[in-house]
Amino acid sequence: MIREFLLKINQPWLPTLGTALFVGIFVGMLIWINRRGSNSYYEEASFLPLDEGVKSER
């Protein structure tokens, strides 16, 4: 039913909008991850699973 509805609508700009939205979010996340001062946060967060594992074994 959804497939039939999507086949009947005639809006060729939707794939372009979807691609632009995906690329925008992807680039935004790359900028967010590589912002200044985030290295210490990610360094600290990388040890959290190991610390939690040690606490649960005690």
N, C-alpha and C. Protein backbone atom coordinates (compact mmCIF):
# COMPACT_ATOMS: atom_id res chain seq x y z
N MET A 1 0.81 -1.18 0.00
CA MET A 1 0.00 0.00 0.00
C MET A 1 0.87 1.26 0.00
N ILE A 2 1.90 1.27 0.84
CA ILE A 2 2.80 2.42 0.86
C ILE A 2 3.56 2.51 -0.46
N ARG A 3 3.96 1.37 -0.99
CA ARG A 3 4.68 1.35 -2.26
C ARG A 3 3.82 1.93 -3.38
N GLU A 4 2.55 1.58 -3.40
CA GLU A 4 1.65 2.11 -4.43
C GLU A 4 1.50 3.62 -4.30
N PHE A 5 1.39 4.10 -3.07
CA PHE A 5 1.28 5.54 -2.85
C PHE A 5 2.54 6.25 -3.33
N LEU A 6 3.70 5.71 -3.00
CA LEU A 6 4.96 6.35 -3.40
C LEU A 6 5.16 6.32 -4.91
N LEU A 7 4.65 5.28 -5.57
CA LEU A 7 4.77 5.22 -7.02
C LEU A 7 3.87 6.25 -7.71
N LYS A 8 2.77 6.61 -7.08
CA LYS A 8 1.82 7.53 -7.71
C LYS A 8 2.17 9.00 -7.51
N ILE A 9 2.92 9.34 -6.47
CA ILE A 9 3.24 10.75 -6.28
C ILE A 9 4.32 11.17 -7.27
N ASN A 10 4.21 12.39 -7.74
CA ASN A 10 5.15 12.89 -8.75
C ASN A 10 5.91 14.07 -8.16
N GLN A 11 6.91 13.76 -7.36
CA GLN A 11 7.72 14.81 -6.76
C GLN A 11 9.19 14.43 -6.92
N PRO A 12 9.78 14.80 -8.05
CA PRO A 12 11.17 14.38 -8.32
C PRO A 12 12.20 15.06 -7.42
N TRP A 13 11.81 16.07 -6.67
CA TRP A 13 12.77 16.76 -5.81
C TRP A 13 12.99 16.04 -4.49
N LEU A 14 12.16 15.05 -4.16
CA LEU A 14 12.31 14.35 -2.89
C LEU A 14 13.63 13.58 -2.76
N PRO A 15 14.08 12.84 -3.78
CA PRO A 15 15.39 12.18 -3.64
C PRO A 15 16.54 13.18 -3.47
N THR A 16 16.44 14.31 -4.15
CA THR A 16 17.47 15.34 -4.00
C THR A 16 17.46 15.91 -2.59
N LEU A 17 16.28 16.15 -2.06
CA LEU A 17 16.16 16.64 -0.69
C LEU A 17 16.70 15.62 0.31
N GLY A 18 16.38 14.35 0.10
CA GLY A 18 16.87 13.30 0.99
C GLY A 18 18.39 13.18 0.96
N THR A 19 18.96 13.27 -0.23
CA THR A 19 20.41 13.20 -0.36
C THR A 19 21.07 14.40 0.30
N ALA A 20 20.52 15.59 0.07
CA ALA A 20 21.08 16.80 0.68
C ALA A 20 20.98 16.75 2.20
N LEU A 21 19.87 16.24 2.71
CA LEU A 21 19.70 16.10 4.15
C LEU A 21 20.71 15.13 4.74
N PHE A 22 20.91 13.99 4.07
CA PHE A 22 21.89 13.01 4.53
C PHE A 22 23.30 13.59 4.54
N VAL A 23 23.68 14.24 3.46
CA VAL A 23 25.03 14.80 3.36
C VAL A 23 25.21 15.90 4.41
N GLY A 24 24.18 16.72 4.62
CA GLY A 24 24.26 17.78 5.61
C GLY A 24 24.46 17.23 7.01
N ILE A 25 23.70 16.21 7.37
CA ILE A 25 23.85 15.60 8.70
C ILE A 25 25.21 14.93 8.83
N PHE A 26 25.67 14.25 7.77
CA PHE A 26 26.96 13.57 7.81
C PHE A 26 28.10 14.57 8.00
N VAL A 27 28.08 15.65 7.25
CA VAL A 27 29.13 16.66 7.37
C VAL A 27 29.05 17.34 8.74
N GLY A 28 27.83 17.60 9.19
CA GLY A 28 27.66 18.20 10.51
C GLY A 28 28.23 17.33 11.61
N MET A 29 28.02 16.02 11.53
CA MET A 29 28.58 15.12 12.53
C MET A 29 30.10 15.07 12.46
N LEU A 30 30.66 15.12 11.27
CA LEU A 30 32.12 15.16 11.16
C LEU A 30 32.69 16.42 11.81
N ILE A 31 32.02 17.54 11.59
CA ILE A 31 32.48 18.79 12.21
C ILE A 31 32.32 18.71 13.72
N TRP A 32 31.21 18.15 14.19
CA TRP A 32 30.96 18.05 15.64
C TRP A 32 31.98 17.13 16.32
N ILE A 33 32.30 16.02 15.68
CA ILE A 33 33.25 15.08 16.27
C ILE A 33 34.66 15.66 16.33
N ASN A 34 35.04 16.44 15.33
CA ASN A 34 36.40 16.96 15.24
C ASN A 34 36.53 18.39 15.74
N ARG A 35 35.60 18.87 16.56
CA ARG A 35 35.67 20.23 17.07
C ARG A 35 36.81 20.34 18.09
N ARG A 36 37.21 21.58 18.35
CA ARG A 36 38.29 21.81 19.30
C ARG A 36 37.86 21.41 20.70
N GLY A 37 38.76 20.81 21.42
CA GLY A 37 38.49 20.45 22.81
C GLY A 37 37.75 19.15 22.99
N SER A 38 37.41 18.47 21.91
CA SER A 38 36.65 17.23 22.06
C SER A 38 37.55 16.02 22.25
N ASN A 39 38.84 16.16 22.01
CA ASN A 39 39.74 15.00 22.15
C ASN A 39 39.76 14.47 23.58
N SER A 40 39.78 15.37 24.56
CA SER A 40 39.82 14.90 25.94
C SER A 40 38.52 14.18 26.31
N TYR A 41 37.41 14.67 25.79
CA TYR A 41 36.12 14.02 26.07
C TYR A 41 36.09 12.61 25.49
N TYR A 42 36.51 12.46 24.23
CA TYR A 42 36.49 11.14 23.60
C TYR A 42 37.54 10.21 24.20
N GLU A 43 38.65 10.76 24.65
CA GLU A 43 39.67 9.95 25.32
C GLU A 43 39.11 9.39 26.63
N GLU A 44 38.41 10.23 27.38
CA GLU A 44 37.81 9.79 28.63
C GLU A 44 36.67 8.79 28.38
N ALA A 45 35.88 9.04 27.37
CA ALA A 45 34.75 8.15 27.06
C ALA A 45 35.21 6.80 26.54
N SER A 46 36.39 6.74 25.94
CA SER A 46 36.87 5.47 25.40
C SER A 46 37.19 4.46 26.50
N PHE A 47 37.47 4.93 27.71
CA PHE A 47 37.79 4.03 28.81
C PHE A 47 36.57 3.63 29.64
N LEU A 48 35.41 4.24 29.39
CA LEU A 48 34.22 3.94 30.19
C LEU A 48 33.81 2.48 30.13
N PRO A 49 33.76 1.84 28.96
CA PRO A 49 33.38 0.42 28.96
C PRO A 49 34.34 -0.45 29.76
N LEU A 50 35.62 -0.13 29.71
CA LEU A 50 36.60 -0.91 30.47
C LEU A 50 36.43 -0.69 31.97
N ASP A 51 36.19 0.56 32.36
CA ASP A 51 36.00 0.86 33.78
C ASP A 51 34.74 0.21 34.31
N GLU A 52 33.68 0.23 33.55
CA GLU A 52 32.42 -0.39 33.98
C GLU A 52 32.59 -1.90 34.10
N GLY A 53 33.36 -2.51 33.21
CA GLY A 53 33.59 -3.95 33.27
C GLY A 53 34.36 -4.34 34.51
N VAL A 54 35.34 -3.54 34.89
CA VAL A 54 36.13 -3.83 36.09
C VAL A 54 35.27 -3.66 37.33
N LYS A 55 34.39 -2.65 37.37
CA LYS A 55 33.53 -2.44 38.54
C LYS A 55 32.54 -3.57 38.71
N SER A 56 32.01 -4.09 37.61
CA SER A 56 30.99 -5.14 37.73
C SER A 56 31.59 -6.48 38.13
N GLU A 57 32.89 -6.69 37.93
CA GLU A 57 33.52 -7.95 38.30
C GLU A 57 33.88 -7.99 39.78
N ARG A 58 33.94 -6.88 40.42
CA ARG A 58 34.33 -6.82 41.84
C ARG A 58 33.22 -7.19 42.74
